[in-house]
C-alpha atoms as a PDB file:
ATOM      1  CA  MET A   1      12.273   8.580  16.055  1.00  0.00           C
ATOM      2  CA  ASN A   2      10.858   5.446  17.548  1.00  0.00           C
ATOM      3  CA  SER A   3      13.402   3.390  19.477  1.00  0.00           C
ATOM      4  CA  GLU A   4      11.386   0.209  18.752  1.00  0.00           C
ATOM      5  CA  ARG A   5      12.226   0.422  15.052  1.00  0.00           C
ATOM      6  CA  ARG A   6      13.740  -2.737  13.667  1.00  0.00           C
ATOM      7  CA  GLN A   7      15.200  -3.610  10.313  1.00  0.00           C
ATOM      8  CA  VAL A   8      13.957  -6.531   8.239  1.00  0.00           C
ATOM      9  CA  ALA A   9      16.207  -9.455   9.048  1.00  0.00           C
ATOM     10  CA  PRO A  10      17.973 -11.294   6.206  1.00  0.00           C
ATOM     11  CA  GLY A  11      15.684 -14.004   4.870  1.00  0.00           C
ATOM     12  CA  GLU A  12      12.571 -12.383   6.354  1.00  0.00           C
ATOM     13  CA  THR A  13       9.893 -11.882   3.750  1.00  0.00           C
ATOM     14  CA  ARG A  14       8.384  -8.491   3.114  1.00  0.00           C
ATOM     15  CA  LEU A  15       4.815  -7.936   2.109  1.00  0.00           C
ATOM     16  CA  PRO A  16       4.719  -7.010  -1.561  1.00  0.00           C
ATOM     17  CA  VAL A  17       3.699  -3.513  -2.597  1.00  0.00           C
ATOM     18  CA  GLY A  18      -0.025  -3.496  -3.356  1.00  0.00           C
ATOM     19  CA  GLU A  19      -0.818  -6.222  -0.791  1.00  0.00           C
ATOM     20  CA  LEU A  20      -3.689  -5.612   1.613  1.00  0.00           C
ATOM     21  CA  ALA A  21      -2.379  -5.694   5.179  1.00  0.00           C
ATOM     22  CA  HIS A  22      -3.561  -5.319   8.773  1.00  0.00           C
ATOM     23  CA  ASP A  23      -1.830  -3.054  11.272  1.00  0.00           C
ATOM     24  CA  VAL A  24      -2.384  -5.046  14.471  1.00  0.00           C
ATOM     25  CA  ARG A  25      -1.234  -2.252  16.784  1.00  0.00           C
ATOM     26  CA  GLN A  26      -3.772   0.279  15.477  1.00  0.00           C
ATOM     27  CA  ASP A  27      -6.289  -2.349  14.253  1.00  0.00           C
ATOM     28  CA  ARG A  28      -6.421  -0.730  10.805  1.00  0.00           C
ATOM     29  CA  ARG A  29      -6.223  -2.082   7.272  1.00  0.00           C
ATOM     30  CA  GLY A  30      -4.146  -0.608   4.510  1.00  0.00           C
ATOM     31  CA  ILE A  31      -2.386  -1.223   1.230  1.00  0.00           C
ATOM     32  CA  VAL A  32       1.382  -1.675   1.329  1.00  0.00           C
ATOM     33  CA  MET A  33       2.907   1.265  -0.519  1.00  0.00           C
ATOM     34  CA  GLY A  34       6.554   0.559   0.209  1.00  0.00           C
ATOM     35  CA  HIS A  35       9.324  -0.282   2.655  1.00  0.00           C
ATOM     36  CA  GLN A  36      11.586   2.521   3.786  1.00  0.00           C
ATOM     37  CA  ASP A  37      13.656   3.453   6.853  1.00  0.00           C
ATOM     38  CA  GLY A  38      12.772   0.188   8.585  1.00  0.00           C
ATOM     39  CA  PHE A  39       9.019   0.767   8.301  1.00  0.00           C
ATOM     40  CA  VAL A  40       6.198  -0.565   6.162  1.00  0.00           C
ATOM     41  CA  TRP A  41       4.235   2.281   4.641  1.00  0.00           C
ATOM     42  CA  LEU A  42       0.478   1.684   4.511  1.00  0.00           C
ATOM     43  CA  ARG A  43      -2.207   3.757   2.809  1.00  0.00           C
ATOM     44  CA  PRO A  44      -5.891   3.393   3.773  1.00  0.00           C
ATOM     45  CA  GLU A  45      -7.894   1.285   1.312  1.00  0.00           C
ATOM     46  CA  GLY A  46     -10.010   4.226   0.170  1.00  0.00           C
ATOM     47  CA  GLY A  47      -6.993   6.492  -0.247  1.00  0.00           C
ATOM     48  CA  GLY A  48      -5.492   9.029   2.076  1.00  0.00           C
ATOM     49  CA  THR A  49      -2.261   9.715   3.866  1.00  0.00           C
ATOM     50  CA  GLU A  50       0.301   6.941   4.181  1.00  0.00           C
ATOM     51  CA  ARG A  51       1.460   5.971   7.647  1.00  0.00           C
ATOM     52  CA  ALA A  52       4.599   4.259   8.853  1.00  0.00           C
ATOM     53  CA  VAL A  53       4.120   0.955  10.663  1.00  0.00           C
ATOM     54  CA  LEU A  54       6.670  -1.310  12.303  1.00  0.00           C
ATOM     55  CA  PRO A  55       7.137  -4.514  10.284  1.00  0.00           C
ATOM     56  CA  ALA A  56       6.386  -6.611  13.393  1.00  0.00           C
ATOM     57  CA  ASP A  57       2.917  -5.007  13.586  1.00  0.00           C
ATOM     58  CA  VAL A  58       1.883  -5.785  10.000  1.00  0.00           C
ATOM     59  CA  ARG A  59       0.068  -8.971   8.976  1.00  0.00           C
ATOM     60  CA  PRO A  60      -1.014  -9.899   5.449  1.00  0.00           C
ATOM     61  CA  LEU A  61      -4.740 -10.071   4.763  1.00  0.00           C
ATOM     62  CA  HIS A  62      -4.981 -12.908   2.300  1.00  0.00           C
ATOM     63  CA  VAL A  63      -8.412 -11.727   1.231  1.00  0.00           C
ATOM     64  CA  ARG A  64      -8.619 -13.849  -1.896  1.00  0.00           C
ATOM     65  CA  GLU A  65      -7.563 -17.030  -0.086  1.00  0.00           C
ATOM     66  CA  ARG A  66     -10.280 -16.561   2.539  1.00  0.00           C
ATOM     67  CA  ALA A  67     -12.957 -15.226   0.192  1.00  0.00           C
ATOM     68  CA  GLU A  68     -12.829 -17.933  -2.475  1.00  0.00           C
ATOM     69  CA  PRO A  69     -14.066 -20.873  -0.336  1.00  0.00           C
ATOM     70  CA  LEU A  70     -16.820 -18.696   1.144  1.00  0.00           C
ATOM     71  CA  LEU A  71     -17.903 -17.527  -2.296  1.00  0.00           C
ATOM     72  CA  ARG A  72     -17.946 -21.108  -3.641  1.00  0.00           C
ATOM     73  CA  THR A  73     -20.125 -22.218  -0.714  1.00  0.00           C
ATOM     74  CA  ARG A  74     -22.554 -19.346  -1.238  1.00  0.00           C
ATOM     75  CA  ILE A  75     -22.791 -20.027  -4.968  1.00  0.00           C
ATOM     76  CA  ALA A  76     -23.385 -23.751  -4.411  1.00  0.00           C
ATOM     77  CA  ARG A  77     -26.131 -22.958  -1.889  1.00  0.00           C
ATOM     78  CA  ALA A  78     -27.760 -20.428  -4.253  1.00  0.00           C
ATOM     79  CA  ASN A  79     -27.668 -22.950  -7.108  1.00  0.00           C
ATOM     80  CA  ALA A  80     -29.212 -25.639  -4.911  1.00  0.00           C
ATOM     81  CA  ARG A  81     -31.915 -23.181  -3.796  1.00  0.00           C
ATOM     82  CA  SER A  82     -32.695 -22.285  -7.427  1.00  0.00           C
ATOM     83  CA  ARG A  83     -33.118 -25.986  -8.195  1.00  0.00           C
ATOM     84  CA  GLY A  84     -35.507 -26.320  -5.242  1.00  0.00           C
ATOM     85  CA  GLU A  85     -33.159 -28.573  -3.271  1.00  0.00           C
ATOM     86  CA  VAL A  86     -32.774 -26.120  -0.384  1.00  0.00           C
ATOM     87  CA  LEU A  87     -35.205 -23.629   1.101  1.00  0.00           C
END
């Protein structure tokens, strides 16, 4: 067992199951599959074996929040280009 293991403190928010997350220690992405024994269990995006990660090493990847403004900008630029306003 890892002596660094820590429990989720009362009031601390957990990442919801199904959320895309980043394991900062191993620099890997994964989908949250659950919370058990003081760990967050992540599965690689394309499937595979789950791995246990310390909660302190997991960060949410708010993909939709970051992708939406970028997508809107790209669509606006493509529309302007189709109208001949931008090369």
